[in-house]
Amino acid sequence: MALPDYEGWACFVAVAESGSFTAAARSLGLSKASVSKAVTRLEASLGVTLLHRTSRTVTVSTAGERLLGDARAMVAAATAATEAARGDRNDLAGPIRLAAPMSFGIKVLGAPLAAFMAQHPAVEVELTLSDARHDLVAEGIDLALRIAPLDDSSLLARTIAPVAASVIASPAYLERHGTPRHPLDLAAHRLIGYGHRERARPLRFERKGEEATVVPAGPLFTNNGDVMIPLLVAGGGIAVLPDFIAEAELASGALVPILSDWSLPQAFLHLLSPPSRLRPARVRALADHLVETLKRSCAGRDSPESGD
C-alpha cells in the first residue's frame, strides 16, 4: 500500500485556503514550482482534479471541496504530532483560526486575546465573528466559542461558564405600558425577538415548580442582540437578552430587569474543537487561556445567549 502524499495534501490545503499558488508557496516556505508539482502529483495519484487553474484564478473543484475537510484534518494532525514531538509549547508560533458569536466577541473577547498574543507574539489569530453556526472541520476552524445547546456530539466541548439572560425594558416603556408581573403578561406587550433559527421560538419560564411559556410577537426579530439595544432604550419594547449584551445599559439604569423572580433555561458558554484530540501546542495553549480567562470574566459579572 502506498503511503499518503502528506506534502501533496499540505500543498493542496494551502492553495485552497489562500486561493493562490504564490501565496501558498510563501506560507509553506517552498517555491511556487514545488507547490504546483506537489498538487499535480497528488491529483495524478488520486485520479481527480482538485484545483481548477486559469491564468488569473485558482478555484477548488467539486472533488476538491469534498476532500478539503479531511485534508485539513490530516494536515492539522501531522502538524500537531510534529509540534508535540518537538515539545515547543514555550515557543508557540503559527496560525490559529478562532470563531465566536458576534456580540460576545466584540464585548468580551478582546482583552483575553490581547493578553494571549502579548505573551505569544509569534502566534497569528484569525478571528471570525459571526452568529452563524460553523462547520469546524469543513472550514478549518481550530476553536469555536458557542453559547447554545450542543447538538453535534462529534465535536470536543469544554463548558466554560453559565451565561445569564434577563427580561429587560426601559423605565419609560414600563411607565407607559405597565410592568409585567407574570410571564403570561408579556403576551400583551411588544416583545422584541432574538434568536438564530426560529422567529417564534417560545420563551420558557420557571419559578418554584410553576412553569409558563410565551411566544414572542413584536415589531422586530433579529439574530444579533446589539441592534436591539437602541430600540429598547428608546422604549420600543421588551426583550430577553444575555446580560453581557446589555451590561452597560443595565448598569446605567437605561434598561432595567423585570420578572427577576422567574428563571429562564440556563445557557452556557462552550469552547468547541474538531474531533481529533491531537492539536498543535499553540491551539491547546489558546484553548486553556480562553477557558481560564473567560471563566473568570463570566464569574465576575453581576449575573452569570443563545447564539453560535
Protein backbone atom coordinates (compact mmCIF):
# COMPACT_ATOMS: atom_id res chain seq x y z
CA MET A 1 0.00 0.00 0.00
CA ALA A 2 1.38 3.40 -1.00
CA LEU A 3 1.98 5.92 1.77
CA PRO A 4 -0.20 9.06 1.81
CA ASP A 5 1.34 12.02 0.00
CA TYR A 6 1.47 14.32 3.01
CA GLU A 7 3.36 17.03 1.14
CA GLY A 8 0.81 16.99 -1.64
CA TRP A 9 -2.10 17.23 0.77
CA ALA A 10 -0.45 20.08 2.67
CA CYS A 11 0.17 21.98 -0.56
CA PHE A 12 -3.41 21.40 -1.71
CA VAL A 13 -4.81 22.75 1.57
CA ALA A 14 -2.52 25.79 1.45
CA VAL A 15 -3.56 26.64 -2.12
CA ALA A 16 -7.25 26.05 -1.40
CA GLU A 17 -7.13 28.35 1.63
CA SER A 18 -5.08 31.13 0.04
CA GLY A 19 -6.55 30.92 -3.47
CA SER A 20 -3.07 31.24 -4.95
CA PHE A 21 -0.05 29.05 -5.61
CA THR A 22 2.21 32.02 -4.93
CA ALA A 23 0.63 32.73 -1.52
CA ALA A 24 0.64 29.03 -0.65
CA ALA A 25 4.31 28.75 -1.52
CA ARG A 26 5.10 31.77 0.64
CA SER A 27 3.21 30.34 3.64
CA LEU A 28 4.88 26.93 3.28
CA GLY A 29 8.37 28.26 2.65
CA LEU A 30 8.58 26.48 -0.71
CA SER A 31 8.93 27.60 -4.29
CA LYS A 32 5.83 28.08 -6.41
CA ALA A 33 7.06 25.34 -8.75
CA SER A 34 7.42 22.89 -5.85
CA VAL A 35 3.86 23.54 -4.67
CA SER A 36 2.49 23.17 -8.18
CA LYS A 37 4.35 19.89 -8.74
CA ALA A 38 3.16 18.52 -5.38
CA VAL A 39 -0.50 19.25 -6.13
CA THR A 40 -0.19 17.87 -9.68
CA ARG A 41 1.44 14.69 -8.31
CA LEU A 42 -1.36 14.30 -5.76
CA GLU A 43 -4.06 14.79 -8.41
CA ALA A 44 -2.38 12.19 -10.62
CA SER A 45 -2.23 9.65 -7.79
CA LEU A 46 -5.89 10.22 -6.90
CA GLY A 47 -7.14 10.38 -10.47
CA VAL A 48 -9.15 13.55 -9.80
CA THR A 49 -8.77 17.26 -10.35
CA LEU A 50 -8.56 19.09 -7.03
CA LEU A 51 -7.96 22.63 -8.30
CA HIS A 52 -9.13 24.43 -11.42
CA ARG A 53 -6.37 26.71 -12.68
CA THR A 54 -6.56 29.61 -15.10
CA SER A 55 -4.06 32.34 -15.84
CA ARG A 56 -5.81 34.55 -13.28
CA THR A 57 -7.54 32.37 -10.71
CA VAL A 58 -7.35 29.11 -8.79
CA THR A 59 -10.59 27.55 -7.54
CA VAL A 60 -11.30 24.33 -5.69
CA SER A 61 -13.08 21.70 -7.78
CA THR A 62 -16.15 19.79 -6.67
CA ALA A 63 -13.97 16.78 -5.87
CA GLY A 64 -11.56 19.05 -4.03
CA GLU A 65 -14.36 20.50 -1.90
CA ARG A 66 -15.40 17.00 -0.86
CA LEU A 67 -11.86 16.17 0.21
CA LEU A 68 -10.84 19.51 1.70
CA GLY A 69 -12.22 18.90 5.21
CA ASP A 70 -10.41 15.57 5.56
CA ALA A 71 -7.28 17.11 4.07
CA ARG A 72 -7.31 19.90 6.64
CA ALA A 73 -7.75 17.38 9.44
CA MET A 74 -4.82 15.32 8.11
CA VAL A 75 -2.53 18.33 7.90
CA ALA A 76 -3.60 19.55 11.34
CA ALA A 77 -2.91 16.14 12.88
CA ALA A 78 0.52 15.94 11.28
CA THR A 79 1.34 19.47 12.46
CA ALA A 80 0.18 18.68 15.98
CA ALA A 81 2.25 15.50 16.10
CA THR A 82 5.33 17.37 14.92
CA GLU A 83 4.90 20.12 17.50
CA ALA A 84 4.26 17.59 20.25
CA ALA A 85 7.48 15.77 19.35
CA ARG A 86 9.45 19.00 19.44
CA GLY A 87 7.94 19.97 22.76
CA ASP A 88 7.83 23.62 21.70
CA ARG A 89 4.98 24.71 23.92
CA ASN A 90 7.03 27.61 25.30
CA ASP A 91 7.89 28.90 21.82
CA LEU A 92 4.47 28.99 20.22
CA ALA A 93 4.14 30.20 16.65
CA GLY A 94 1.80 29.90 13.70
CA PRO A 95 -1.85 30.49 12.83
CA ILE A 96 -4.95 29.72 14.89
CA ARG A 97 -8.46 30.01 13.50
CA LEU A 98 -10.99 31.04 16.11
CA ALA A 99 -14.74 31.62 15.67
CA ALA A 100 -17.07 33.34 18.14
CA PRO A 101 -20.55 34.90 18.25
CA MET A 102 -20.61 38.49 17.06
CA SER A 103 -21.76 40.32 20.21
CA PHE A 104 -19.76 38.14 22.60
CA GLY A 105 -16.63 38.61 20.53
CA ILE A 106 -16.98 42.39 20.40
CA LYS A 107 -17.84 42.90 24.07
CA VAL A 108 -15.84 40.19 25.84
CA LEU A 109 -13.15 38.59 23.72
CA GLY A 110 -10.76 41.48 23.00
CA ALA A 111 -8.93 41.58 26.33
CA PRO A 112 -8.29 37.81 26.62
CA LEU A 113 -6.96 37.68 23.07
CA ALA A 114 -4.75 40.71 23.59
CA ALA A 115 -3.21 39.11 26.68
CA PHE A 116 -2.56 35.83 24.86
CA MET A 117 -0.96 37.49 21.83
CA ALA A 118 1.22 39.66 24.05
CA GLN A 119 2.51 36.50 25.71
CA HIS A 120 2.96 34.67 22.38
CA PRO A 121 3.82 37.31 19.75
CA ALA A 122 4.60 34.73 17.04
CA VAL A 123 1.06 33.33 17.11
CA GLU A 124 -1.32 34.66 14.45
CA VAL A 125 -5.01 34.54 15.39
CA GLU A 126 -7.60 34.67 12.62
CA LEU A 127 -10.83 35.59 14.42
CA THR A 128 -14.20 35.22 12.71
CA LEU A 129 -17.15 36.87 14.43
CA SER A 130 -20.48 35.58 13.20
CA ASP A 131 -23.79 34.42 14.61
CA ALA A 132 -23.88 31.63 12.03
CA ARG A 133 -23.11 28.09 13.12
CA HIS A 134 -19.76 26.99 11.70
CA ASP A 135 -18.69 23.56 10.46
CA LEU A 136 -15.35 23.44 12.24
CA VAL A 137 -13.89 20.59 10.20
CA ALA A 138 -15.04 21.76 6.77
CA GLU A 139 -14.00 25.37 7.42
CA GLY A 140 -10.68 24.52 9.04
CA ILE A 141 -11.53 26.22 12.34
CA ASP A 142 -9.34 25.26 15.28
CA LEU A 143 -11.55 26.58 18.11
CA ALA A 144 -15.06 27.99 18.36
CA LEU A 145 -16.89 29.65 21.22
CA ARG A 146 -20.59 28.88 21.30
CA ILE A 147 -23.43 29.92 23.58
CA ALA A 148 -26.11 27.41 22.68
CA PRO A 149 -27.20 23.84 23.32
CA LEU A 150 -24.67 21.40 21.91
CA ASP A 151 -26.19 19.15 19.30
CA ASP A 152 -23.05 17.93 17.49
CA SER A 153 -21.60 15.12 19.57
CA SER A 154 -18.62 14.67 17.21
CA LEU A 155 -17.01 17.91 18.41
CA LEU A 156 -14.89 18.12 21.54
CA ALA A 157 -16.51 20.52 24.00
CA ARG A 158 -15.37 22.23 27.19
CA THR A 159 -18.05 24.02 29.16
CA ILE A 160 -16.61 27.29 30.44
CA ALA A 161 -19.31 29.07 32.44
CA PRO A 162 -23.02 29.85 32.69
CA VAL A 163 -24.24 32.90 30.79
CA ALA A 164 -27.23 34.66 32.29
CA ALA A 165 -30.04 36.33 30.39
CA SER A 166 -32.67 38.76 31.66
CA VAL A 167 -36.02 40.14 30.60
CA ILE A 168 -35.33 43.84 30.11
CA ALA A 169 -37.07 47.07 29.14
CA SER A 170 -36.60 50.80 29.59
CA PRO A 171 -38.20 52.62 32.53
CA ALA A 172 -40.05 54.81 30.01
CA TYR A 173 -41.65 51.79 28.32
CA LEU A 174 -42.73 50.32 31.64
CA GLU A 175 -44.17 53.64 32.75
CA ARG A 176 -46.29 53.87 29.60
CA HIS A 177 -47.34 50.24 29.28
CA GLY A 178 -47.08 48.85 32.81
CA THR A 179 -44.66 46.35 34.31
CA PRO A 180 -45.44 42.67 33.70
CA ARG A 181 -45.79 40.75 36.97
CA HIS A 182 -46.14 37.30 35.39
CA PRO A 183 -44.59 35.89 32.19
CA LEU A 184 -48.05 35.44 30.67
CA ASP A 185 -48.47 39.21 30.93
CA LEU A 186 -45.83 39.52 28.20
CA ALA A 187 -48.40 38.44 25.61
CA ALA A 188 -49.92 41.92 25.87
CA HIS A 189 -46.58 43.67 25.26
CA ARG A 190 -44.26 44.41 22.34
CA LEU A 191 -41.67 41.65 22.56
CA ILE A 192 -38.51 42.11 20.51
CA GLY A 193 -37.43 38.70 19.23
CA TYR A 194 -33.84 37.47 19.46
CA GLY A 195 -32.55 34.18 18.14
CA HIS A 196 -30.82 32.38 15.31
CA ARG A 197 -33.27 29.89 13.89
CA GLU A 198 -36.90 30.19 14.83
CA ARG A 199 -38.62 33.54 14.75
CA ALA A 200 -41.31 32.47 17.21
CA ARG A 201 -39.27 30.24 19.50
CA PRO A 202 -41.15 30.04 22.82
CA LEU A 203 -39.78 31.66 25.97
CA ARG A 204 -39.99 29.24 28.87
CA PHE A 205 -40.03 30.50 32.46
CA GLU A 206 -39.93 28.61 35.76
CA ARG A 207 -40.50 29.63 39.38
CA LYS A 208 -40.69 27.21 42.30
CA GLY A 209 -42.17 24.45 40.20
CA GLU A 210 -44.52 26.74 38.28
CA GLU A 211 -43.92 26.96 34.53
CA ALA A 212 -45.05 29.48 31.92
CA THR A 213 -44.46 29.63 28.15
CA VAL A 214 -44.77 32.73 25.99
CA VAL A 215 -44.38 33.02 22.21
CA PRO A 216 -42.73 36.34 21.25
CA ALA A 217 -44.76 38.62 18.99
CA GLY A 218 -43.46 42.06 18.24
CA PRO A 219 -42.20 44.55 15.67
CA LEU A 220 -38.64 43.21 15.28
CA PHE A 221 -36.86 39.88 15.15
CA THR A 222 -33.08 39.72 14.78
CA ASN A 223 -30.18 37.32 15.18
CA ASN A 224 -27.99 40.00 16.76
CA GLY A 225 -28.66 41.49 20.17
CA ASP A 226 -26.64 44.70 19.82
CA VAL A 227 -29.02 46.15 17.25
CA MET A 228 -31.86 45.77 19.76
CA ILE A 229 -30.33 47.95 22.46
CA PRO A 230 -31.16 51.39 20.96
CA LEU A 231 -34.73 50.30 20.30
CA LEU A 232 -35.15 49.05 23.85
CA VAL A 233 -33.59 52.17 25.37
CA ALA A 234 -35.96 54.30 23.27
CA GLY A 235 -38.92 52.45 24.80
CA GLY A 236 -39.65 50.23 21.81
CA GLY A 237 -40.49 47.08 23.72
CA ILE A 238 -39.34 44.25 25.98
CA ALA A 239 -36.70 41.64 25.18
CA VAL A 240 -34.83 38.69 26.63
CA LEU A 241 -31.10 39.25 26.13
CA PRO A 242 -27.85 37.87 27.54
CA ASP A 243 -26.65 40.17 30.30
CA PHE A 244 -23.28 40.80 28.63
CA ILE A 245 -25.01 42.47 25.67
CA ALA A 246 -26.94 44.96 27.82
CA GLU A 247 -24.35 45.23 30.60
CA ALA A 248 -23.67 48.97 30.22
CA GLU A 249 -27.35 49.90 29.90
CA LEU A 250 -28.32 47.79 32.92
CA ALA A 251 -25.54 49.39 34.96
CA SER A 252 -26.64 52.92 33.99
CA GLY A 253 -30.35 52.25 34.52
CA ALA A 254 -31.21 52.93 30.87
CA LEU A 255 -32.62 49.40 30.90
CA VAL A 256 -33.95 47.50 33.90
CA PRO A 257 -34.60 43.80 34.52
CA ILE A 258 -38.16 42.61 35.10
CA LEU A 259 -39.65 39.27 36.15
CA SER A 260 -36.44 38.68 38.12
CA ASP A 261 -38.13 36.13 40.37
CA TRP A 262 -38.60 33.87 37.33
CA SER A 263 -35.77 31.89 35.73
CA LEU A 264 -35.09 31.15 32.09
CA PRO A 265 -33.35 27.99 30.83
CA GLN A 266 -29.68 28.27 31.70
CA ALA A 267 -27.33 28.84 28.77
CA PHE A 268 -23.62 28.03 28.90
CA LEU A 269 -20.50 29.24 27.16
CA HIS A 270 -18.70 26.34 25.47
CA LEU A 271 -15.36 26.02 23.71
CA LEU A 272 -15.52 23.60 20.79
CA SER A 273 -12.77 21.98 18.74
CA PRO A 274 -12.67 19.37 15.95
CA PRO A 275 -12.87 15.68 16.90
CA SER A 276 -9.13 14.90 16.87
CA ARG A 277 -7.58 15.27 20.32
CA LEU A 278 -4.17 15.80 18.72
CA ARG A 279 -3.85 19.57 18.29
CA PRO A 280 -0.90 21.93 17.85
CA ALA A 281 0.54 23.27 21.08
CA ARG A 282 -0.48 26.82 20.17
CA VAL A 283 -4.12 25.75 19.83
CA ARG A 284 -4.04 23.91 23.15
CA ALA A 285 -2.48 26.94 24.79
CA LEU A 286 -5.13 29.33 23.46
CA ALA A 287 -7.89 26.91 24.47
CA ASP A 288 -6.58 26.74 28.04
CA HIS A 289 -6.17 30.51 28.16
CA LEU A 290 -9.73 31.17 26.95
CA VAL A 291 -11.26 28.68 29.36
CA GLU A 292 -9.47 30.21 32.33
CA THR A 293 -9.90 33.90 31.48
CA LEU A 294 -13.48 33.66 30.24
CA LYS A 295 -14.48 31.62 33.28
CA ARG A 296 -13.21 34.44 35.48
CA SER A 297 -14.84 37.07 33.27
CA CYS A 298 -18.26 35.42 33.38
CA ALA A 299 -17.99 34.80 37.13
CA GLY A 300 -17.16 38.47 37.67
CA ARG A 301 -20.36 39.74 36.08
CA ASP A 302 -23.36 40.76 38.08
CA SER A 303 -25.32 37.76 36.94
CA PRO A 304 -23.95 34.76 35.49
CA GLU A 305 -27.40 33.80 24.61
CA SER A 306 -28.39 31.68 22.82
CA GLY A 307 -26.12 32.08 19.90
CA ASP A 308 -23.48 30.32 17.95
